[in-house]
Every structure is written in structure tokens, then in C-alpha cells.
PDB file of N, CA and C in Angstrom:
ATOM      1  N   UNK A   1     118.296  26.765  99.366  1.00  0.00           N
ATOM      2  CA  UNK A   1     119.500  26.065  98.985  1.00  0.00           C
ATOM      3  C   UNK A   1     120.664  27.045  99.080  1.00  0.00           C
ATOM      4  N   UNK A   2     121.548  26.764 100.000  1.00  0.00           N
ATOM      5  CA  UNK A   2     122.665  27.664 100.238  1.00  0.00           C
ATOM      6  C   UNK A   2     123.968  26.884 100.245  1.00  0.00           C
ATOM      7  N   UNK A   3     125.016  27.455  99.672  1.00  0.00           N
ATOM      8  CA  UNK A   3     126.313  26.786  99.670  1.00  0.00           C
ATOM      9  C   UNK A   3     126.968  26.833 101.049  1.00  0.00           C
ATOM     10  N   UNK A   4     127.803  25.862 101.308  1.00  0.00           N
ATOM     11  CA  UNK A   4     128.519  25.753 102.573  1.00  0.00           C
ATOM     12  C   UNK A   4     129.986  26.087 102.336  1.00  0.00           C
ATOM     13  N   UNK A   5     130.554  26.915 103.193  1.00  0.00           N
ATOM     14  CA  UNK A   5     131.987  27.198 103.153  1.00  0.00           C
ATOM     15  C   UNK A   5     132.530  27.074 104.565  1.00  0.00           C
ATOM     16  N   UNK A   6     133.851  26.948 104.659  1.00  0.00           N
ATOM     17  CA  UNK A   6     134.497  26.812 105.950  1.00  0.00           C
ATOM     18  C   UNK A   6     135.122  28.136 106.348  1.00  0.00           C
ATOM     19  N   UNK A   7     134.992  28.488 107.617  1.00  0.00           N
ATOM     20  CA  UNK A   7     135.572  29.732 108.114  1.00  0.00           C
ATOM     21  C   UNK A   7     137.093  29.633 108.066  1.00  0.00           C
ATOM     22  N   UNK A   8     137.752  30.641 107.518  1.00  0.00           N
ATOM     23  CA  UNK A   8     139.222  30.588 107.461  1.00  0.00           C
ATOM     24  C   UNK A   8     139.850  30.901 108.818  1.00  0.00           C
ATOM     25  N   UNK A   9     141.007  30.329 109.047  1.00  0.00           N
ATOM     26  CA  UNK A   9     141.769  30.651 110.240  1.00  0.00           C
ATOM     27  C   UNK A   9     141.297  29.982 111.509  1.00  0.00           C
ATOM     28  N   UNK A  10     140.456  28.971 111.411  1.00  0.00           N
ATOM     29  CA  UNK A  10     140.008  28.282 112.606  1.00  0.00           C
ATOM     30  C   UNK A  10     140.605  26.881 112.633  1.00  0.00           C
ATOM     31  N   UNK A  11     140.879  26.405 113.823  1.00  0.00           N
ATOM     32  CA  UNK A  11     141.432  25.054 113.941  1.00  0.00           C
ATOM     33  C   UNK A  11     140.380  24.004 113.631  1.00  0.00           C
ATOM     34  N   UNK A  12     139.175  24.253 114.102  1.00  0.00           N
ATOM     35  CA  UNK A  12     138.068  23.364 113.771  1.00  0.00           C
ATOM     36  C   UNK A  12     137.538  23.779 112.408  1.00  0.00           C
ATOM     37  N   UNK A  13     136.938  22.865 111.724  1.00  0.00           N
ATOM     38  CA  UNK A  13     136.360  23.203 110.427  1.00  0.00           C
ATOM     39  C   UNK A  13     134.935  23.714 110.645  1.00  0.00           C
ATOM     40  N   UNK A  14     134.860  24.975 111.051  1.00  0.00           N
ATOM     41  CA  UNK A  14     133.567  25.578 111.308  1.00  0.00           C
ATOM     42  C   UNK A  14     132.905  25.945 109.991  1.00  0.00           C
ATOM     43  N   UNK A  15     131.630  25.661 109.907  1.00  0.00           N
ATOM     44  CA  UNK A  15     130.881  25.863 108.673  1.00  0.00           C
ATOM     45  C   UNK A  15     130.051  27.134 108.774  1.00  0.00           C
ATOM     46  N   UNK A  16     129.923  27.830 107.649  1.00  0.00           N
ATOM     47  CA  UNK A  16     129.024  28.972 107.560  1.00  0.00           C
ATOM     48  C   UNK A  16     128.375  28.951 106.174  1.00  0.00           C
ATOM     49  N   UNK A  17     127.387  29.784 105.981  1.00  0.00           N
ATOM     50  CA  UNK A  17     126.710  29.887 104.698  1.00  0.00           C
ATOM     51  C   UNK A  17     127.547  30.765 103.785  1.00  0.00           C
ATOM     52  N   UNK A  18     127.774  30.291 102.561  1.00  0.00           N
ATOM     53  CA  UNK A  18     128.584  31.032 101.612  1.00  0.00           C
ATOM     54  C   UNK A  18     127.767  31.986 100.763  1.00  0.00           C
ATOM     55  N   UNK A  19     128.454  32.807 100.008  1.00  0.00           N
ATOM     56  CA  UNK A  19     127.797  33.776  99.138  1.00  0.00           C
ATOM     57  C   UNK A  19     127.293  33.129  97.858  1.00  0.00           C
ATOM     58  N   UNK A  20     127.906  32.029  97.465  1.00  0.00           N
ATOM     59  CA  UNK A  20     127.481  31.360  96.242  1.00  0.00           C
ATOM     60  C   UNK A  20     128.328  30.136  95.976  1.00  0.00           C
ATOM     61  N   UNK A  21     127.927  29.383  94.965  1.00  0.00           N
ATOM     62  CA  UNK A  21     128.666  28.186  94.572  1.00  0.00           C
ATOM     63  C   UNK A  21     129.856  28.589  93.708  1.00  0.00           C
ATOM     64  N   UNK A  22     130.952  27.836  93.809  1.00  0.00           N
ATOM     65  CA  UNK A  22     132.129  28.136  93.001  1.00  0.00           C
ATOM     66  C   UNK A  22     131.936  27.574  91.594  1.00  0.00           C
ATOM     67  N   UNK A  23     132.731  28.074  90.657  1.00  0.00           N
ATOM     68  CA  UNK A  23     132.638  27.604  89.279  1.00  0.00           C
ATOM     69  C   UNK A  23     133.039  26.129  89.177  1.00  0.00           C
ATOM     70  N   UNK A  24     133.974  25.703  90.009  1.00  0.00           N
ATOM     71  CA  UNK A  24     134.388  24.302  90.020  1.00  0.00           C
ATOM     72  C   UNK A  24     133.266  23.378  90.462  1.00  0.00           C
ATOM     73  N   UNK A  25     132.474  23.827  91.425  1.00  0.00           N
ATOM     74  CA  UNK A  25     131.331  23.030  91.886  1.00  0.00           C
ATOM     75  C   UNK A  25     130.267  22.937  90.807  1.00  0.00           C
ATOM     76  N   UNK A  26     130.055  24.021  90.089  1.00  0.00           N
ATOM     77  CA  UNK A  26     129.090  23.990  88.992  1.00  0.00           C
ATOM     78  C   UNK A  26     129.548  23.055  87.881  1.00  0.00           C
ATOM     79  N   UNK A  27     130.833  23.090  87.549  1.00  0.00           N
ATOM     80  CA  UNK A  27     131.368  22.212  86.508  1.00  0.00           C
ATOM     81  C   UNK A  27     131.276  20.747  86.914  1.00  0.00           C
ATOM     82  N   UNK A  28     131.403  20.459  88.194  1.00  0.00           N
ATOM     83  CA  UNK A  28     131.350  19.079  88.670  1.00  0.00           C
ATOM     84  C   UNK A  28     129.985  18.436  88.437  1.00  0.00           C
ATOM     85  N   UNK A  29     128.940  19.245  88.388  1.00  0.00           N
ATOM     86  CA  UNK A  29     127.599  18.703  88.142  1.00  0.00           C
ATOM     87  C   UNK A  29     127.126  18.978  86.715  1.00  0.00           C
ATOM     88  N   UNK A  30     127.993  19.556  85.888  1.00  0.00           N
ATOM     89  CA  UNK A  30     127.662  19.749  84.483  1.00  0.00           C
ATOM     90  C   UNK A  30     126.903  21.026  84.168  1.00  0.00           C
ATOM     91  N   UNK A  31     127.033  22.030  84.999  1.00  0.00           N
ATOM     92  CA  UNK A  31     126.385  23.318  84.744  1.00  0.00           C
ATOM     93  C   UNK A  31     127.418  24.350  84.336  1.00  0.00           C
ATOM     94  N   UNK A  32     127.015  25.252  83.454  1.00  0.00           N
ATOM     95  CA  UNK A  32     127.874  26.384  83.172  1.00  0.00           C
ATOM     96  C   UNK A  32     127.282  27.632  83.838  1.00  0.00           C
ATOM     97  N   UNK A  33     127.982  28.726  83.723  1.00  0.00           N
ATOM     98  CA  UNK A  33     127.626  29.954  84.428  1.00  0.00           C
ATOM     99  C   UNK A  33     126.225  30.434  84.056  1.00  0.00           C
ATOM    100  N   UNK A  34     125.920  30.488  82.773  1.00  0.00           N
ATOM    101  CA  UNK A  34     124.633  31.018  82.319  1.00  0.00           C
ATOM    102  C   UNK A  34     123.460  30.129  82.726  1.00  0.00           C
ATOM    103  N   UNK A  35     123.626  28.810  82.626  1.00  0.00           N
ATOM    104  CA  UNK A  35     122.550  27.897  83.033  1.00  0.00           C
ATOM    105  C   UNK A  35     122.267  28.020  84.522  1.00  0.00           C
ATOM    106  N   UNK A  36     123.325  28.169  85.300  1.00  0.00           N
ATOM    107  CA  UNK A  36     123.157  28.311  86.746  1.00  0.00           C
ATOM    108  C   UNK A  36     122.393  29.588  87.085  1.00  0.00           C
ATOM    109  N   UNK A  37     122.695  30.660  86.382  1.00  0.00           N
ATOM    110  CA  UNK A  37     121.976  31.910  86.624  1.00  0.00           C
ATOM    111  C   UNK A  37     120.505  31.777  86.240  1.00  0.00           C
ATOM    112  N   UNK A  38     120.224  31.090  85.153  1.00  0.00           N
ATOM    113  CA  UNK A  38     118.836  30.893  84.729  1.00  0.00           C
ATOM    114  C   UNK A  38     118.049  30.072  85.746  1.00  0.00           C
ATOM    115  N   UNK A  39     118.731  29.148  86.423  1.00  0.00           N
ATOM    116  CA  UNK A  39     118.089  28.337  87.451  1.00  0.00           C
ATOM    117  C   UNK A  39     117.958  29.085  88.779  1.00  0.00           C
ATOM    118  N   UNK A  40     118.549  30.254  88.874  1.00  0.00           N
ATOM    119  CA  UNK A  40     118.440  31.049  90.094  1.00  0.00           C
ATOM    120  C   UNK A  40     119.473  30.724  91.151  1.00  0.00           C
ATOM    121  N   UNK A  41     120.558  30.076  90.759  1.00  0.00           N
ATOM    122  CA  UNK A  41     121.612  29.730  91.711  1.00  0.00           C
ATOM    123  C   UNK A  41     122.524  30.923  91.948  1.00  0.00           C
ATOM    124  N   UNK A  42     122.977  31.060  93.180  1.00  0.00           N
ATOM    125  CA  UNK A  42     123.944  32.099  93.502  1.00  0.00           C
ATOM    126  C   UNK A  42     125.332  31.588  93.170  1.00  0.00           C
ATOM    127  N   UNK A  43     126.169  32.456  92.600  1.00  0.00           N
ATOM    128  CA  UNK A  43     127.508  32.069  92.174  1.00  0.00           C
ATOM    129  C   UNK A  43     128.518  33.038  92.770  1.00  0.00           C
ATOM    130  N   UNK A  44     129.591  32.483  93.320  1.00  0.00           N
ATOM    131  CA  UNK A  44     130.692  33.280  93.846  1.00  0.00           C
ATOM    132  C   UNK A  44     131.889  33.054  92.928  1.00  0.00           C
ATOM    133  N   UNK A  45     132.132  33.989  92.022  1.00  0.00           N
ATOM    134  CA  UNK A  45     133.197  33.841  91.033  1.00  0.00           C
ATOM    135  C   UNK A  45     134.588  33.891  91.662  1.00  0.00           C
ATOM    136  N   UNK A  46     134.716  34.487  92.847  1.00  0.00           N
ATOM    137  CA  UNK A  46     136.030  34.625  93.477  1.00  0.00           C
ATOM    138  C   UNK A  46     136.490  33.356  94.173  1.00  0.00           C
ATOM    139  N   UNK A  47     135.542  32.542  94.625  1.00  0.00           N
ATOM    140  CA  UNK A  47     135.888  31.354  95.410  1.00  0.00           C
ATOM    141  C   UNK A  47     136.416  30.250  94.509  1.00  0.00           C
ATOM    142  N   UNK A  48     137.532  29.652  94.886  1.00  0.00           N
ATOM    143  CA  UNK A  48     138.175  28.601  94.092  1.00  0.00           C
ATOM    144  C   UNK A  48     137.967  27.211  94.671  1.00  0.00           C
ATOM    145  N   UNK A  49     137.557  27.127  95.918  1.00  0.00           N
ATOM    146  CA  UNK A  49     137.440  25.833  96.578  1.00  0.00           C
ATOM    147  C   UNK A  49     136.242  25.044  96.045  1.00  0.00           C
ATOM    148  N   UNK A  50     136.376  23.728  96.106  1.00  0.00           N
ATOM    149  CA  UNK A  50     135.300  22.826  95.692  1.00  0.00           C
ATOM    150  C   UNK A  50     135.025  21.899  96.870  1.00  0.00           C
ATOM    151  N   UNK A  51     133.789  21.935  97.382  1.00  0.00           N
ATOM    152  CA  UNK A  51     133.413  21.117  98.528  1.00  0.00           C
ATOM    153  C   UNK A  51     132.397  20.070  98.087  1.00  0.00           C
ATOM    154  N   UNK A  52     132.626  18.843  98.514  1.00  0.00           N
ATOM    155  CA  UNK A  52     131.728  17.744  98.156  1.00  0.00           C
ATOM    156  C   UNK A  52     130.303  17.977  98.650  1.00  0.00           C
ATOM    157  N   UNK A  53     130.174  18.642  99.787  1.00  0.00           N
ATOM    158  CA  UNK A  53     128.836  18.926 100.315  1.00  0.00           C
ATOM    159  C   UNK A  53     128.032  19.776  99.336  1.00  0.00           C
ATOM    160  N   UNK A  54     128.693  20.764  98.745  1.00  0.00           N
ATOM    161  CA  UNK A  54     128.009  21.638  97.797  1.00  0.00           C
ATOM    162  C   UNK A  54     127.669  20.914  96.506  1.00  0.00           C
ATOM    163  N   UNK A  55     128.521  20.004  96.085  1.00  0.00           N
ATOM    164  CA  UNK A  55     128.233  19.225  94.878  1.00  0.00           C
ATOM    165  C   UNK A  55     127.000  18.358  95.105  1.00  0.00           C
ATOM    166  N   UNK A  56     126.893  17.767  96.293  1.00  0.00           N
ATOM    167  CA  UNK A  56     125.708  16.963  96.615  1.00  0.00           C
ATOM    168  C   UNK A  56     124.450  17.824  96.667  1.00  0.00           C
ATOM    169  N   UNK A  57     124.563  19.034  97.212  1.00  0.00           N
ATOM    170  CA  UNK A  57     123.423  19.952  97.254  1.00  0.00           C
ATOM    171  C   UNK A  57     122.971  20.276  95.836  1.00  0.00           C
ATOM    172  N   UNK A  58     123.918  20.536  94.951  1.00  0.00           N
ATOM    173  CA  UNK A  58     123.576  20.852  93.562  1.00  0.00           C
ATOM    174  C   UNK A  58     122.949  19.664  92.845  1.00  0.00           C
ATOM    175  N   UNK A  59     123.471  18.468  93.091  1.00  0.00           N
ATOM    176  CA  UNK A  59     122.896  17.264  92.458  1.00  0.00           C
ATOM    177  C   UNK A  59     121.451  17.056  92.892  1.00  0.00           C
ATOM    178  N   UNK A  60     121.173  17.225  94.169  1.00  0.00           N
ATOM    179  CA  UNK A  60     119.808  17.085  94.657  1.00  0.00           C
ATOM    180  C   UNK A  60     118.891  18.148  94.057  1.00  0.00           C
ATOM    181  N   UNK A  61     119.401  19.368  93.924  1.00  0.00           N
ATOM    182  CA  UNK A  61     118.615  20.452  93.330  1.00  0.00           C
ATOM    183  C   UNK A  61     118.281  20.127  91.869  1.00  0.00           C
ATOM    184  N   UNK A  62     119.255  19.619  91.130  1.00  0.00           N
ATOM    185  CA  UNK A  62     119.018  19.296  89.720  1.00  0.00           C
ATOM    186  C   UNK A  62     118.016  18.150  89.569  1.00  0.00           C
ATOM    187  N   UNK A  63     118.024  17.183  90.497  1.00  0.00           N
ATOM    188  CA  UNK A  63     117.040  16.096  90.468  1.00  0.00           C
ATOM    189  C   UNK A  63     115.636  16.653  90.661  1.00  0.00           C
ATOM    190  N   UNK A  64     115.491  17.604  91.579  1.00  0.00           N
ATOM    191  CA  UNK A  64     114.181  18.211  91.830  1.00  0.00           C
ATOM    192  C   UNK A  64     113.698  19.021  90.633  1.00  0.00           C
ATOM    193  N   UNK A  65     114.612  19.717  89.981  1.00  0.00           N
ATOM    194  CA  UNK A  65     114.252  20.566  88.856  1.00  0.00           C
ATOM    195  C   UNK A  65     113.849  19.724  87.644  1.00  0.00           C
ATOM    196  N   UNK A  66     114.574  18.642  87.408  1.00  0.00           N
ATOM    197  CA  UNK A  66     114.315  17.815  86.223  1.00  0.00           C
ATOM    198  C   UNK A  66     113.083  16.948  86.369  1.00  0.00           C
ATOM    199  N   UNK A  67     112.682  16.651  87.558  1.00  0.00           N
ATOM    200  CA  UNK A  67     111.502  15.818  87.619  1.00  0.00           C
ATOM    201  C   UNK A  67     111.218  15.323  88.933  1.00  0.00           C
TER     202      UNK A  67
END
């Protein structure tokens, strides 16, 4: 499970693998920093962007973890 980010400075929205999920993405699915670390999620504290793709990835991960 890897977060998706967009390459800066490109005309096309080229996708690459990110270093971690942003805090905004974690908040969107109801996770805080410590819970995310306990679940083994990578977090990028510097990134401010929130991408719907990453929120969906996190929701699917939480469904798998819960049951």
C-alpha cells in the first residue's frame, strides 16, 4: 500500500509513489498520527496535499484491517 502523489512542474498529471500519506488524508478517514504509525502506515508530515485516490486506498486498508 503506497500513497500516490503528482510530479511537480509537469503539464500532464504524472503520478509517482509518494513517501507517505499526508496528515489531511489521515484525518479524512478518521486516523490520527499515532494510530497510523501503529498500523504501519508511512506518513509524510511535510506534504499538505490531499488526494482522493489516497483516501480511497486508506479506506480499503481500514476495511481489511477491521474485518
